[in-house]
Amino acid sequence: MNFVGRRDAADVQENGENKKQHEVKKEQDEKKEEDINNSNNKDDQYSSSSSPRGVLETPPLGSSDSDNSSISSSDDRSSNFASSPSGELSQGVYWKNIFDQIKRRSMRRLSSIPLLRYEMILPKNIRRILSKNRSAEEEANDSDDIPKPSWRNFSYGELVEATDNFSPDKLIGQGGHADVYKGRLSDGQVVAVKKITKQEKNDEDKVDDFLSELGIIAHINHPNAAKLIGYSSDGGLYLVLQYLHHGSLGSLIHGSEERLDWDIRYKVAAGIAEGLLYLHCECPKRIIHRDITASNILLTEDYEPQISDFGLAKWLPEKWVHHVVSPIEGTFGYMAREYFMHGIVNEKTDVFAFGVLLLELITGRRAVDSYRKSLVLWAKPLLQKNNIKEIADPRLGDDYDVVEMKRAMFTALCCLHHLPDIRPNMKKVVQLLRGENAPVEMKQKSMGGRALMFSDEYTSTHYLQDLNRHMELVME
């Protein structure tokens, strides 16, 4: 009996210890699950607010992007793609280091942005992991929003052959950040090869900008946006784009003796407006181009405009009012005051640039002439007076639609207001150019006799002073 009693007591003690161990284990499991959930929530917050370059982002490694939102904390800022490599690394070793960081530290962020498909860039093992992490629902959303890019990864040898070793004779465009060459692929397709230069930037910044531009283009699918054929990171950074026979709008307006008829000009204006409306409102990501200029508008064979060069484009999170960026980059004469003075970027930045572009189409003049005179300042009094005869391109003569000309002038004036909040959004701009919700006889709105573009507090003199100050900063 005593033996049985001792055994029962031992059993009770053992059961109590087991129960206690079970409760401890349960508490540990619950704590572990809570930690995982917190980590997931933190990652989800990051993924919902990271920019398209977040596709290949790593957490901050002691450096930060120069772009900061006025309403965001430093934790929300996009980090640089990789830390600076030590010493001189070859292209292959440098890219290997980058992908190693992606593999170790960015796996969750890679899988959290299904719209950006970089499978053509990433190694096979990462591709397999991404495919497992992507849910069926995400797959369905991907196919609905954006077709999977079919970009081709070109070798350096293919690009050398296509452009005759980047012959100067093949050079069709040159800017501060890239050179563009006309090329012919082995299958006979004519392409434009954009060679990223950006000599003032180091290698990791170049890669960061390159991937950012690819991330922007990954979201774009519209008739009025340039078409990407492929890319290359072999021996440099290259984008291969669809070649358009007519080249840029700037070359036709300012570099050709042939007259560009008004119906084509108006068609181009309407197409650019549609493209910007798509970027701002209808694209899966809210994109600000930042460099809408005549030279960045390409024309198809039937003069359909395509917005190109997304090298300065910025992705703006849905709830952000604006970005504050540094350094300030763009083309002098197209930049709104709040941008070139304070670095503030949002949709109204593109709206102002579109207004300048409209003036170029109307007048045939450059945004800034050889005497550094602003087209906006020259056109202001003529827009105030609705003076079509004086403002219209002399090469047009009287061969233009008066109603369309008035619409274009009125729309340009609205877009060029110095206060961004008063400028129309691109949806309203498209409506104005179409003649929707607007009278045929458009009279310029005024503020006590002053044009809509300037208020009593901010005059054309102030605007000129701001422009001159900005030019001084550029020349420093």
Protein backbone atom coordinates (compact mmCIF):
# COMPACT_ATOMS: atom_id res chain seq x y z
CA MET A 1 0.00 0.00 0.00
CA ASN A 2 2.82 2.35 0.91
CA PHE A 3 4.53 1.52 -2.36
CA VAL A 4 1.38 2.34 -4.29
CA GLY A 5 0.94 5.56 -2.35
CA ARG A 6 4.51 6.65 -3.03
CA ARG A 7 4.05 5.78 -6.70
CA ASP A 8 0.83 7.78 -6.93
CA ALA A 9 2.55 10.74 -5.31
CA ALA A 10 5.41 10.43 -7.76
CA ASP A 11 2.96 10.33 -10.63
CA VAL A 12 1.22 13.44 -9.37
CA GLN A 13 4.55 15.23 -8.98
CA GLU A 14 5.64 14.12 -12.46
CA ASN A 15 2.34 15.25 -13.97
CA GLY A 16 2.69 18.58 -12.21
CA GLU A 17 6.19 19.06 -13.57
CA ASN A 18 5.05 18.08 -17.08
CA LYS A 19 2.17 20.52 -16.84
CA LYS A 20 4.50 23.24 -15.67
CA GLN A 21 6.94 22.53 -18.50
CA HIS A 22 4.04 22.55 -20.96
CA GLU A 23 2.86 25.95 -19.71
CA VAL A 24 6.37 27.37 -19.94
CA LYS A 25 6.76 26.02 -23.47
CA LYS A 26 3.35 27.43 -24.38
CA GLU A 27 4.33 30.88 -23.09
CA GLN A 28 7.59 30.71 -25.05
CA ASP A 29 5.74 29.75 -28.23
CA GLU A 30 3.23 32.56 -27.76
CA LYS A 31 6.03 35.08 -27.22
CA LYS A 32 7.87 33.79 -30.28
CA GLU A 33 4.71 34.05 -32.37
CA GLU A 34 4.14 37.60 -31.11
CA ASP A 35 7.70 38.55 -32.05
CA ILE A 36 7.22 37.10 -35.53
CA ASN A 37 3.97 39.01 -35.99
CA ASN A 38 5.61 42.23 -34.87
CA SER A 39 8.44 41.62 -37.29
CA ASN A 40 5.99 40.89 -40.09
CA ASN A 41 4.02 44.03 -39.35
CA LYS A 42 7.20 46.06 -39.41
CA ASP A 43 8.20 44.55 -42.74
CA ASP A 44 4.70 45.11 -44.14
CA GLN A 45 4.85 48.75 -43.15
CA TYR A 46 8.18 49.06 -44.88
CA SER A 47 6.98 47.33 -48.01
CA SER A 48 3.89 49.52 -48.25
CA SER A 49 5.93 52.70 -48.11
CA SER A 50 9.12 51.80 -49.92
CA SER A 51 9.77 53.12 -53.39
CA PRO A 52 10.01 51.02 -56.56
CA ARG A 53 13.74 50.79 -55.98
CA GLY A 54 12.71 48.82 -52.87
CA VAL A 55 12.55 45.82 -55.14
CA LEU A 56 16.28 45.52 -54.69
CA GLU A 57 16.72 47.48 -51.49
CA THR A 58 18.60 46.51 -48.41
CA PRO A 59 18.05 48.06 -44.97
CA PRO A 60 20.04 51.24 -44.30
CA LEU A 61 23.75 50.53 -44.19
CA GLY A 62 24.97 53.82 -42.85
CA SER A 63 23.79 55.86 -45.82
CA SER A 64 20.47 57.31 -46.89
CA ASP A 65 18.79 58.53 -50.03
CA SER A 66 18.85 62.25 -50.60
CA ASP A 67 15.09 62.28 -51.12
CA ASN A 68 13.13 62.95 -47.95
CA SER A 69 9.44 63.54 -47.47
CA SER A 70 8.44 66.54 -45.42
CA ILE A 71 5.95 64.36 -43.58
CA SER A 72 8.04 61.25 -43.15
CA SER A 73 10.58 60.26 -40.56
CA SER A 74 14.10 59.15 -41.34
CA ASP A 75 12.92 55.55 -40.95
CA ASP A 76 10.71 55.92 -44.01
CA ARG A 77 13.46 57.08 -46.28
CA SER A 78 14.63 54.87 -49.08
CA SER A 79 18.05 53.51 -48.37
CA ASN A 80 20.87 53.22 -50.84
CA PHE A 81 21.04 49.97 -52.68
CA ALA A 82 24.34 48.89 -51.21
CA SER A 83 27.16 50.16 -49.11
CA SER A 84 30.21 51.43 -50.83
CA PRO A 85 32.44 48.61 -52.04
CA SER A 86 35.95 48.70 -50.65
CA GLY A 87 38.62 49.15 -53.25
CA GLU A 88 38.21 48.79 -56.97
CA LEU A 89 35.86 45.89 -57.66
CA SER A 90 35.13 44.43 -61.03
CA GLN A 91 31.58 44.59 -62.36
CA GLY A 92 30.99 40.91 -61.69
CA VAL A 93 32.27 40.98 -58.09
CA TYR A 94 30.34 44.18 -57.37
CA TRP A 95 27.05 42.75 -58.62
CA LYS A 96 27.75 39.52 -56.70
CA ASN A 97 28.12 41.52 -53.49
CA ILE A 98 24.86 43.30 -54.19
CA PHE A 99 22.96 40.08 -54.78
CA ASP A 100 24.50 38.54 -51.65
CA GLN A 101 23.04 41.40 -49.64
CA ILE A 102 19.68 40.95 -51.34
CA LYS A 103 19.70 37.25 -50.50
CA ARG A 104 20.64 37.74 -46.85
CA ARG A 105 18.64 40.79 -45.88
CA SER A 106 15.94 41.69 -48.40
CA MET A 107 14.08 38.45 -49.09
CA ARG A 108 10.87 39.53 -47.47
CA ARG A 109 10.85 42.91 -49.19
CA LEU A 110 11.47 41.29 -52.52
CA SER A 111 8.40 39.09 -52.10
CA SER A 112 6.27 41.93 -50.74
CA ILE A 113 6.29 43.92 -54.00
CA PRO A 114 4.89 41.52 -56.59
CA LEU A 115 4.28 44.21 -59.21
CA LEU A 116 7.99 44.63 -59.85
CA ARG A 117 9.25 41.56 -61.64
CA TYR A 118 13.03 41.50 -61.60
CA GLU A 119 13.27 37.77 -62.23
CA MET A 120 15.34 38.51 -65.29
CA ILE A 121 17.97 40.16 -63.07
CA LEU A 122 17.91 37.96 -60.00
CA PRO A 123 19.71 34.63 -59.60
CA LYS A 124 17.70 31.42 -60.03
CA ASN A 125 17.74 30.47 -56.36
CA ILE A 126 16.18 33.79 -55.39
CA ARG A 127 13.63 33.41 -58.16
CA ARG A 128 12.56 30.05 -56.77
CA ILE A 129 12.11 31.46 -53.27
CA LEU A 130 10.13 34.42 -54.61
CA SER A 131 7.80 32.14 -56.54
CA LYS A 132 7.08 30.11 -53.39
CA ASN A 133 6.38 33.19 -51.30
CA ARG A 134 4.05 34.78 -53.83
CA SER A 135 0.45 33.77 -53.16
CA ALA A 136 -2.12 32.87 -55.78
CA GLU A 137 -4.00 36.06 -55.02
CA GLU A 138 -0.92 38.17 -55.69
CA GLU A 139 -0.40 36.32 -58.95
CA ALA A 140 -3.92 37.20 -60.01
CA ASN A 141 -3.41 40.85 -59.07
CA ASP A 142 -0.16 40.96 -61.01
CA SER A 143 -1.75 39.71 -64.19
CA ASP A 144 -4.58 42.20 -63.85
CA ASP A 145 -2.43 45.26 -63.20
CA ILE A 146 0.74 44.82 -65.22
CA PRO A 147 1.80 42.30 -67.84
CA LYS A 148 5.02 40.57 -66.96
CA PRO A 149 7.91 42.46 -68.59
CA SER A 150 9.61 40.61 -71.41
CA TRP A 151 12.82 42.60 -71.21
CA ARG A 152 15.89 41.15 -72.79
CA ASN A 153 19.23 41.03 -71.01
CA PHE A 154 21.78 42.15 -73.61
CA SER A 155 25.47 41.43 -73.51
CA TYR A 156 27.97 44.21 -74.02
CA GLY A 157 29.10 42.54 -77.25
CA GLU A 158 25.58 42.71 -78.66
CA LEU A 159 25.35 46.42 -77.93
CA VAL A 160 28.80 47.08 -79.39
CA GLU A 161 27.80 45.28 -82.56
CA ALA A 162 24.45 47.07 -82.74
CA THR A 163 25.97 50.55 -82.41
CA ASP A 164 29.21 50.02 -84.35
CA ASN A 165 31.16 50.19 -81.11
CA PHE A 166 29.17 53.22 -79.97
CA SER A 167 30.26 55.18 -82.98
CA PRO A 168 29.87 59.00 -82.79
CA ASP A 169 27.95 58.71 -86.05
CA LYS A 170 25.31 56.71 -84.17
CA LEU A 171 24.93 59.28 -81.39
CA ILE A 172 21.40 60.70 -81.57
CA GLY A 173 21.06 62.29 -78.15
CA GLN A 174 23.26 63.52 -75.35
CA GLY A 175 22.46 64.81 -71.88
CA GLY A 176 23.95 65.28 -68.47
CA HIS A 177 23.20 61.75 -67.37
CA ALA A 178 23.22 59.60 -70.51
CA ASP A 179 24.16 59.30 -74.18
CA VAL A 180 21.71 57.75 -76.66
CA TYR A 181 22.84 55.79 -79.72
CA LYS A 182 20.89 54.43 -82.64
CA GLY A 183 21.48 50.73 -83.10
CA ARG A 184 20.37 47.72 -85.11
CA LEU A 185 20.06 44.33 -83.44
CA SER A 186 21.05 41.07 -85.12
CA ASP A 187 17.39 40.41 -85.98
CA GLY A 188 17.18 43.74 -87.82
CA GLN A 189 15.23 45.63 -85.16
CA VAL A 190 16.24 49.28 -84.87
CA VAL A 191 16.65 50.41 -81.27
CA ALA A 192 17.85 53.33 -79.17
CA VAL A 193 20.61 52.40 -76.72
CA LYS A 194 20.79 54.65 -73.67
CA LYS A 195 24.23 54.55 -72.07
CA ILE A 196 24.16 55.77 -68.47
CA THR A 197 27.09 58.13 -67.84
CA LYS A 198 26.48 60.32 -64.75
CA GLN A 199 30.19 60.98 -64.39
CA GLU A 200 29.66 63.00 -61.22
CA LYS A 201 28.27 59.95 -59.40
CA ASN A 202 30.07 56.94 -58.01
CA ASP A 203 29.35 53.36 -59.06
CA GLU A 204 26.89 52.47 -56.33
CA ASP A 205 24.85 55.64 -56.93
CA LYS A 206 24.75 54.87 -60.64
CA VAL A 207 23.48 51.37 -59.93
CA ASP A 208 20.93 52.77 -57.49
CA ASP A 209 19.59 55.23 -60.08
CA PHE A 210 19.63 52.57 -62.78
CA LEU A 211 17.57 50.15 -60.71
CA SER A 212 15.24 52.97 -59.67
CA GLU A 213 14.57 53.81 -63.31
CA LEU A 214 13.93 50.16 -64.09
CA GLY A 215 11.58 50.00 -61.11
CA ILE A 216 9.64 53.00 -62.42
CA ILE A 217 9.39 51.61 -65.94
CA ALA A 218 8.19 48.26 -64.57
CA HIS A 219 4.93 49.92 -63.57
CA ILE A 220 4.31 51.76 -66.83
CA ASN A 221 2.16 50.43 -69.63
CA HIS A 222 0.63 53.22 -71.70
CA PRO A 223 0.64 54.29 -75.38
CA ASN A 224 2.05 57.69 -74.40
CA ALA A 225 5.06 56.31 -72.51
CA ALA A 226 8.31 55.00 -74.00
CA LYS A 227 8.69 51.23 -74.47
CA LEU A 228 11.64 49.43 -72.93
CA ILE A 229 13.02 46.47 -74.91
CA GLY A 230 15.86 45.43 -72.63
CA TYR A 231 18.80 46.38 -70.46
CA SER A 232 22.40 45.48 -69.81
CA SER A 233 24.78 45.64 -66.84
CA ASP A 234 27.65 44.13 -68.80
CA GLY A 235 30.52 46.61 -69.09
CA GLY A 236 28.34 49.47 -67.90
CA LEU A 237 24.67 50.30 -67.45
CA TYR A 238 22.44 50.44 -70.52
CA LEU A 239 18.75 50.67 -71.40
CA VAL A 240 17.57 49.50 -74.82
CA LEU A 241 14.45 51.32 -75.97
CA GLN A 242 12.16 51.32 -78.94
CA TYR A 243 13.54 53.61 -81.65
CA LEU A 244 11.12 56.24 -82.93
CA HIS A 245 11.71 57.63 -86.40
CA HIS A 246 10.73 61.26 -85.73
CA GLY A 247 12.99 61.56 -82.71
CA SER A 248 12.21 64.13 -80.05
CA LEU A 249 9.64 66.90 -80.10
CA GLY A 250 12.41 69.40 -79.40
CA SER A 251 14.31 68.45 -82.53
CA LEU A 252 11.19 68.99 -84.66
CA ILE A 253 10.18 72.32 -83.12
CA HIS A 254 13.61 73.87 -82.64
CA GLY A 255 15.99 71.93 -84.84
CA SER A 256 14.08 71.56 -88.10
CA GLU A 257 13.27 74.06 -90.79
CA GLU A 258 10.10 72.17 -91.63
CA ARG A 259 6.93 73.52 -90.09
CA LEU A 260 5.13 71.31 -87.60
CA ASP A 261 1.45 71.77 -88.40
CA TRP A 262 -0.94 72.89 -85.69
CA ASP A 263 -3.09 69.76 -85.76
CA ILE A 264 0.03 67.70 -85.00
CA ARG A 265 1.06 70.08 -82.23
CA TYR A 266 -2.34 69.87 -80.60
CA LYS A 267 -2.37 66.10 -80.93
CA VAL A 268 1.03 65.97 -79.24
CA ALA A 269 -0.15 68.25 -76.40
CA ALA A 270 -3.22 66.10 -75.79
CA GLY A 271 -1.16 62.89 -75.85
CA ILE A 272 1.39 64.20 -73.35
CA ALA A 273 -1.44 65.27 -71.06
CA GLU A 274 -2.94 61.77 -71.28
CA GLY A 275 0.44 60.23 -70.49
CA LEU A 276 0.94 62.44 -67.42
CA LEU A 277 -2.60 61.73 -66.24
CA TYR A 278 -1.74 58.03 -66.40
CA LEU A 279 1.50 58.47 -64.45
CA HIS A 280 -0.14 60.58 -61.75
CA CYS A 281 -3.49 58.83 -61.31
CA GLU A 282 -3.93 55.61 -63.28
CA CYS A 283 -0.56 53.89 -63.00
CA PRO A 284 -0.30 51.21 -60.26
CA LYS A 285 2.26 53.49 -58.63
CA ARG A 286 2.02 57.29 -58.32
CA ILE A 287 4.89 58.57 -60.46
CA ILE A 288 6.25 62.12 -60.81
CA HIS A 289 8.41 62.48 -63.93
CA ARG A 290 10.31 65.63 -62.87
CA ASP A 291 11.81 66.31 -66.30
CA ILE A 292 9.01 66.94 -68.78
CA THR A 293 10.78 68.76 -71.61
CA ALA A 294 10.54 68.91 -75.39
CA SER A 295 13.65 66.76 -75.72
CA ASN A 296 12.13 64.05 -73.51
CA ILE A 297 9.03 63.67 -75.66
CA LEU A 298 9.49 61.18 -78.50
CA LEU A 299 7.19 60.92 -81.52
CA THR A 300 6.04 57.76 -83.25
CA GLU A 301 5.60 57.48 -87.00
CA ASP A 302 2.07 58.89 -86.76
CA TYR A 303 3.20 61.62 -84.33
CA GLU A 304 1.83 59.98 -81.21
CA PRO A 305 3.90 61.37 -78.30
CA GLN A 306 5.70 59.13 -75.83
CA ILE A 307 7.09 60.40 -72.53
CA SER A 308 10.64 59.12 -72.15
CA ASP A 309 13.68 59.34 -69.86
CA PHE A 310 12.53 58.35 -66.37
CA GLY A 311 15.98 58.86 -64.90
CA LEU A 312 14.76 61.62 -62.56
CA ALA A 313 11.29 60.19 -61.95
CA LYS A 314 10.13 59.71 -58.39
CA TRP A 315 7.60 57.36 -56.88
CA LEU A 316 5.37 59.22 -54.42
CA PRO A 317 3.55 57.15 -51.76
CA GLU A 318 -0.22 57.51 -51.81
CA LYS A 319 -0.59 59.48 -48.57
CA TRP A 320 2.39 61.78 -49.06
CA VAL A 321 1.59 65.33 -50.09
CA HIS A 322 5.02 65.85 -51.66
CA HIS A 323 8.69 64.90 -51.68
CA VAL A 324 11.51 67.20 -50.66
CA VAL A 325 14.53 66.24 -52.73
CA SER A 326 18.19 67.17 -52.84
CA PRO A 327 20.09 67.76 -55.00
CA ILE A 328 17.66 69.55 -57.28
CA GLU A 329 17.93 68.14 -60.80
CA GLY A 330 16.05 69.03 -63.96
CA THR A 331 16.06 71.32 -66.96
CA PHE A 332 16.29 75.06 -66.46
CA GLY A 333 13.19 76.86 -67.73
CA TYR A 334 10.80 73.99 -66.96
CA MET A 335 11.12 73.89 -63.19
CA ALA A 336 8.42 75.33 -60.96
CA ARG A 337 9.45 77.86 -58.33
CA GLU A 338 8.68 75.62 -55.34
CA TYR A 339 10.91 72.96 -56.88
CA PHE A 340 14.00 74.92 -57.88
CA MET A 341 13.89 77.05 -54.70
CA HIS A 342 12.88 74.48 -52.10
CA GLY A 343 13.12 71.02 -53.71
CA ILE A 344 9.38 70.33 -53.29
CA VAL A 345 8.12 67.71 -55.75
CA ASN A 346 4.61 66.47 -56.47
CA GLU A 347 2.22 66.22 -59.43
CA LYS A 348 2.07 70.00 -59.77
CA THR A 349 5.79 69.96 -60.61
CA ASP A 350 4.95 68.11 -63.83
CA VAL A 351 1.91 70.33 -64.42
CA PHE A 352 4.09 73.45 -64.47
CA ALA A 353 6.56 71.82 -66.87
CA PHE A 354 3.65 70.81 -69.10
CA GLY A 355 2.56 74.47 -69.18
CA VAL A 356 6.00 75.47 -70.44
CA LEU A 357 5.85 72.69 -73.03
CA LEU A 358 2.46 73.98 -74.19
CA LEU A 359 4.01 77.42 -74.69
CA GLU A 360 6.74 75.85 -76.83
CA LEU A 361 4.10 74.19 -79.01
CA ILE A 362 2.13 77.43 -79.26
CA THR A 363 5.03 79.81 -79.91
CA GLY A 364 7.76 77.65 -81.45
CA ARG A 365 10.20 79.24 -78.98
CA ARG A 366 12.55 77.53 -76.55
CA ALA A 367 11.85 77.46 -72.81
CA VAL A 368 14.94 79.66 -72.33
CA ASP A 369 16.44 81.44 -75.31
CA SER A 370 20.08 82.16 -76.08
CA TYR A 371 19.81 85.42 -74.12
CA ARG A 372 18.63 83.49 -71.03
CA LYS A 373 15.19 85.03 -71.33
CA SER A 374 12.39 82.92 -69.94
CA LEU A 375 9.60 81.93 -72.31
CA VAL A 376 7.17 82.10 -69.38
CA LEU A 377 7.98 85.77 -68.74
CA TRP A 378 7.84 86.67 -72.42
CA ALA A 379 4.47 84.97 -72.91
CA LYS A 380 2.83 86.29 -69.72
CA PRO A 381 1.45 89.62 -71.03
CA LEU A 382 0.32 87.97 -74.26
CA LEU A 383 -1.55 85.30 -72.35
CA GLN A 384 -3.12 88.01 -70.19
CA LYS A 385 -4.44 89.81 -73.22
CA ASN A 386 -5.40 86.60 -75.02
CA ASN A 387 -3.31 87.89 -77.91
CA ILE A 388 -3.24 84.99 -80.35
CA LYS A 389 -1.65 86.87 -83.23
CA GLU A 390 1.40 87.86 -81.22
CA ILE A 391 1.94 84.62 -79.34
CA ALA A 392 1.34 82.08 -82.12
CA ASP A 393 4.36 80.65 -83.96
CA PRO A 394 4.90 82.87 -87.05
CA ARG A 395 5.61 79.74 -89.08
CA LEU A 396 1.96 78.74 -88.61
CA GLY A 397 0.61 81.90 -90.20
CA ASP A 398 -3.16 81.71 -89.83
CA ASP A 399 -3.21 77.95 -90.30
CA TYR A 400 -4.52 76.91 -86.89
CA ASP A 401 -7.82 76.23 -85.17
CA VAL A 402 -8.68 79.34 -83.16
CA VAL A 403 -10.72 77.45 -80.56
CA GLU A 404 -7.91 74.96 -79.99
CA MET A 405 -5.38 77.78 -79.76
CA LYS A 406 -7.47 79.53 -77.09
CA ARG A 407 -7.81 76.28 -75.18
CA ALA A 408 -4.06 75.71 -75.31
CA MET A 409 -3.32 79.28 -74.17
CA PHE A 410 -5.80 79.15 -71.31
CA THR A 411 -4.53 75.74 -70.19
CA ALA A 412 -0.91 76.93 -70.29
CA LEU A 413 -1.78 79.96 -68.16
CA CYS A 414 -3.50 77.79 -65.55
CA CYS A 415 -0.59 75.35 -65.43
CA LEU A 416 1.95 78.13 -64.93
CA HIS A 417 0.47 79.62 -61.78
CA HIS A 418 3.19 80.25 -59.23
CA LEU A 419 1.11 78.63 -56.48
CA PRO A 420 1.05 74.85 -56.96
CA ASP A 421 -2.29 74.42 -55.19
CA ILE A 422 -3.99 76.65 -57.76
CA ARG A 423 -2.60 74.80 -60.76
CA PRO A 424 -5.03 72.23 -62.19
CA ASN A 425 -4.32 68.52 -61.90
CA MET A 426 -3.75 66.57 -65.10
CA LYS A 427 -7.34 65.29 -65.17
CA LYS A 428 -8.54 68.89 -65.39
CA VAL A 429 -5.86 69.68 -67.98
CA VAL A 430 -7.06 66.85 -70.20
CA GLN A 431 -10.63 68.13 -69.86
CA LEU A 432 -9.57 71.66 -70.79
CA LEU A 433 -7.76 70.51 -73.93
CA ARG A 434 -10.74 68.39 -74.93
CA GLY A 435 -13.10 71.32 -74.39
CA GLU A 436 -15.03 69.49 -71.68
CA ASN A 437 -16.73 71.50 -68.93
CA ALA A 438 -15.40 74.72 -70.40
CA PRO A 439 -16.91 77.39 -72.65
CA VAL A 440 -15.64 77.77 -76.20
CA GLU A 441 -14.87 81.47 -75.71
CA MET A 442 -12.32 81.30 -72.91
CA LYS A 443 -11.53 84.52 -71.12
CA GLN A 444 -8.52 84.66 -68.92
CA LYS A 445 -9.34 84.72 -65.23
CA SER A 446 -7.87 87.72 -63.48
CA MET A 447 -7.08 88.93 -60.00
CA GLY A 448 -7.80 92.66 -59.95
CA GLY A 449 -6.48 93.11 -63.48
CA ARG A 450 -3.49 90.85 -62.91
CA ALA A 451 -3.08 87.57 -64.70
CA LEU A 452 -3.94 84.34 -62.92
CA MET A 453 -0.25 83.44 -63.04
CA PHE A 454 0.88 86.15 -60.61
CA SER A 455 -0.65 87.59 -57.45
CA ASP A 456 -0.12 90.95 -55.77
CA GLU A 457 2.42 89.37 -53.45
CA TYR A 458 4.33 87.54 -56.17
CA THR A 459 4.97 89.45 -59.39
CA SER A 460 6.85 88.72 -62.58
CA THR A 461 9.78 90.64 -61.09
CA HIS A 462 9.94 88.22 -58.20
CA TYR A 463 9.72 85.31 -60.61
CA LEU A 464 12.59 86.71 -62.68
CA GLN A 465 14.67 87.19 -59.53
CA ASP A 466 14.03 83.58 -58.55
CA LEU A 467 15.04 82.39 -62.01
CA ASN A 468 18.23 84.44 -61.94
CA ARG A 469 19.08 83.16 -58.47
CA HIS A 470 18.53 79.60 -59.64
CA MET A 471 20.77 80.18 -62.66
CA GLU A 472 23.48 81.48 -60.32
CA LEU A 473 23.20 78.32 -58.23
CA VAL A 474 23.44 76.19 -61.37
CA MET A 475 26.55 78.01 -62.57
CA GLU A 476 28.32 77.81 -59.19
